[in-house]
C-alpha cells in the first residue's frame, strides 16, 4: 500500500514546483497494479448544468490485470456532490456485462475500490459520473438527476 503514496507525493511535488494554480477542471485518479493515471473530465458542467465543456478525447488509459481491483479517487469538487461509478467488463464466458456502484451521497466518500463481481474476468471501461443539481422528469414519474461531469478510463489489458 505504501507504493501508492510515492506517485501521489511525486504529483504533489510537481504541483508545488509549478506554482499554486489549481487546474481549471477536476481530475479523477485511477490506480491499479502499482500504476496510476489522472484523468481530465470528458464532460464537465457548472453546478446549474448550463455551462458545459466537452472533451470527448479525455480518456485515460490504465492496464488493469484480469481480476485486479481498481481504486478510484475523486477530488473534493466531485465528492461534495452525488456520484457513482459505471463500468463494463467481460465475464468468464467472454460475454460483455455492465455494472454500477451505489450512488454516493455528498461528502460521503472521496474514494471507491471497484472489484468485479464473481462472474467478472476482465474490466474494460470505467466512467465516474458526477450528478448535477439539474432535475429532469423521469420515465417512472419521478425525477432524474443530470450528469454534470464524467471521467472515462479504458482499462482493457493490452
Protein backbone atom coordinates (compact mmCIF):
# COMPACT_ATOMS: atom_id res chain seq x y z
CA UNK A 1 0.00 0.00 0.00
CA UNK A 2 2.94 2.36 0.60
CA UNK A 3 3.82 2.13 -3.10
CA UNK A 4 0.69 4.18 -3.81
CA UNK A 5 1.96 7.06 -1.71
CA UNK A 6 5.08 7.64 -3.81
CA UNK A 7 3.19 8.58 -7.01
CA UNK A 8 0.89 10.85 -5.02
CA UNK A 9 3.84 12.58 -3.35
CA UNK A 10 5.55 12.98 -6.72
CA UNK A 11 2.42 14.57 -8.18
CA UNK A 12 2.18 16.90 -5.18
CA UNK A 13 5.82 17.88 -5.66
CA UNK A 14 5.22 18.68 -9.33
CA UNK A 15 2.17 20.76 -8.40
CA UNK A 16 4.19 22.74 -5.88
CA UNK A 17 7.05 23.21 -8.33
CA UNK A 18 4.73 24.57 -10.99
CA UNK A 19 3.04 27.07 -8.69
CA UNK A 20 -0.09 27.15 -6.64
CA UNK A 21 -2.51 27.42 -9.55
CA UNK A 22 -5.16 24.74 -9.38
CA UNK A 23 -6.28 23.01 -12.57
CA UNK A 24 -9.43 24.55 -14.02
CA UNK A 25 -11.18 21.20 -14.19
CA UNK A 26 -11.09 18.49 -11.52
CA UNK A 27 -9.20 15.28 -12.26
CA UNK A 28 -10.09 11.78 -11.11
CA UNK A 29 -7.24 9.39 -10.29
CA UNK A 30 -7.42 5.70 -11.18
CA UNK A 31 -4.93 3.26 -9.59
CA UNK A 32 -4.24 -0.42 -10.19
CA UNK A 33 -1.34 -2.82 -10.02
CA UNK A 34 1.25 -0.22 -8.96
CA UNK A 35 0.32 2.41 -11.57
CA UNK A 36 -1.97 5.42 -11.58
CA UNK A 37 -3.35 7.90 -14.07
CA UNK A 38 -5.06 11.26 -13.56
CA UNK A 39 -7.92 11.83 -15.97
CA UNK A 40 -9.48 15.13 -17.02
CA UNK A 41 -13.25 15.22 -17.47
CA UNK A 42 -14.77 14.12 -20.76
CA UNK A 43 -17.66 16.39 -19.79
CA UNK A 44 -17.82 18.99 -17.05
CA UNK A 45 -20.65 21.42 -16.27
CA UNK A 46 -21.14 24.20 -13.77
CA UNK A 47 -23.49 23.39 -10.86
CA UNK A 48 -26.50 24.73 -12.77
CA UNK A 49 -25.79 22.39 -15.68
CA UNK A 50 -25.94 25.30 -18.12
CA UNK A 51 -22.27 25.89 -18.94
CA UNK A 52 -20.71 22.64 -20.07
CA UNK A 53 -17.40 21.79 -21.68
CA UNK A 54 -16.89 18.52 -23.50
CA UNK A 55 -13.56 16.84 -24.22
CA UNK A 56 -14.51 13.51 -25.82
CA UNK A 57 -10.83 12.60 -26.25
CA UNK A 58 -10.18 12.84 -22.49
CA UNK A 59 -9.99 9.10 -21.94
CA UNK A 60 -7.44 7.70 -19.52
CA UNK A 61 -5.54 4.51 -20.26
CA UNK A 62 -4.52 2.13 -17.49
CA UNK A 63 -3.87 -1.59 -17.73
CA UNK A 64 -5.92 -3.41 -15.12
CA UNK A 65 -4.93 -7.09 -14.97
CA UNK A 66 -7.71 -9.68 -15.03
CA UNK A 67 -9.30 -9.97 -11.61
CA UNK A 68 -7.39 -7.00 -10.15
CA UNK A 69 -9.22 -4.23 -8.27
CA UNK A 70 -9.28 -0.63 -9.47
CA UNK A 71 -9.01 2.17 -6.93
CA UNK A 72 -10.69 5.45 -7.81
CA UNK A 73 -10.05 8.75 -6.05
CA UNK A 74 -12.22 11.80 -6.71
CA UNK A 75 -11.42 15.40 -5.74
CA UNK A 76 -13.50 17.37 -3.23
CA UNK A 77 -15.42 19.10 -6.02
CA UNK A 78 -16.80 15.71 -7.10
CA UNK A 79 -17.14 14.21 -3.60
CA UNK A 80 -19.32 17.11 -2.42
CA UNK A 81 -21.99 16.06 -4.94
CA UNK A 82 -23.72 12.72 -5.58
CA UNK A 83 -21.53 10.49 -7.78
CA UNK A 84 -21.23 6.88 -8.91
CA UNK A 85 -19.05 4.51 -10.93
CA UNK A 86 -20.39 2.77 -14.05
CA UNK A 87 -18.34 0.01 -15.68
CA UNK A 88 -18.20 -2.59 -18.47
CA UNK A 89 -16.42 -5.91 -18.11
CA UNK A 90 -16.08 -9.33 -19.71
CA UNK A 91 -17.48 -12.32 -17.91
CA UNK A 92 -15.67 -15.62 -17.56
CA UNK A 93 -17.50 -16.84 -20.70
CA UNK A 94 -16.48 -13.74 -22.71
CA UNK A 95 -19.89 -12.07 -22.51
CA UNK A 96 -19.89 -8.25 -22.16
CA UNK A 97 -21.56 -7.20 -18.90
CA UNK A 98 -22.11 -3.93 -17.09
CA UNK A 99 -22.43 -2.79 -13.52
CA UNK A 100 -22.52 0.25 -11.31
CA UNK A 101 -21.66 1.25 -7.80
CA UNK A 102 -24.23 2.70 -5.45
CA UNK A 103 -24.74 6.46 -5.74
CA UNK A 104 -22.57 8.08 -3.08
CA UNK A 105 -24.18 10.91 -1.13
CA UNK A 106 -22.49 14.32 -0.99
CA UNK A 107 -19.37 14.26 1.20
CA UNK A 108 -19.86 10.53 1.90
CA UNK A 109 -16.58 9.43 0.32
CA UNK A 110 -13.63 10.53 -1.79
CA UNK A 111 -12.58 7.08 -2.97
CA UNK A 112 -14.01 3.79 -4.16
CA UNK A 113 -12.44 0.40 -4.89
CA UNK A 114 -14.00 -1.38 -7.82
CA UNK A 115 -13.80 -5.15 -7.56
CA UNK A 116 -15.54 -7.05 -10.33
CA UNK A 117 -18.48 -9.28 -9.42
CA UNK A 118 -17.77 -13.05 -9.13
CA UNK A 119 -18.79 -13.59 -12.77
CA UNK A 120 -16.26 -10.98 -13.94
CA UNK A 121 -12.97 -11.69 -15.59
CA UNK A 122 -11.67 -8.52 -17.26
CA UNK A 123 -12.53 -4.88 -16.60
CA UNK A 124 -12.77 -2.94 -19.88
CA UNK A 125 -14.28 0.51 -19.36
CA UNK A 126 -14.97 2.70 -16.33
CA UNK A 127 -16.81 6.00 -16.01
CA UNK A 128 -17.11 8.17 -12.91
CA UNK A 129 -20.35 10.15 -13.14
CA UNK A 130 -20.96 13.30 -11.11
CA UNK A 131 -24.61 14.23 -10.80
CA UNK A 132 -25.67 17.84 -11.25
CA UNK A 133 -28.37 19.77 -9.46
CA UNK A 134 -30.44 19.77 -12.64
CA UNK A 135 -33.53 17.57 -12.37
CA UNK A 136 -35.34 16.12 -15.36
CA UNK A 137 -38.66 14.24 -15.41
CA UNK A 138 -38.04 10.52 -15.07
CA UNK A 139 -39.72 7.81 -17.11
CA UNK A 140 -41.38 6.37 -13.98
CA UNK A 141 -42.97 9.66 -12.93
CA UNK A 142 -40.10 10.61 -10.59
CA UNK A 143 -37.13 12.82 -11.33
CA UNK A 144 -33.68 12.03 -12.65
CA UNK A 145 -30.50 13.94 -11.90
CA UNK A 146 -28.46 15.09 -14.87
CA UNK A 147 -24.83 14.06 -15.31
CA UNK A 148 -22.75 17.17 -14.63
CA UNK A 149 -19.36 15.55 -15.08
CA UNK A 150 -17.86 12.33 -16.38
CA UNK A 151 -14.35 10.88 -16.27
CA UNK A 152 -13.58 7.92 -18.52
CA UNK A 153 -10.96 5.17 -18.28
CA UNK A 154 -10.12 2.47 -20.82
CA UNK A 155 -8.99 -0.40 -18.59
CA UNK A 156 -8.51 -3.17 -21.11
CA UNK A 157 -5.49 -5.36 -20.65
CA UNK A 158 -3.37 -4.95 -23.76
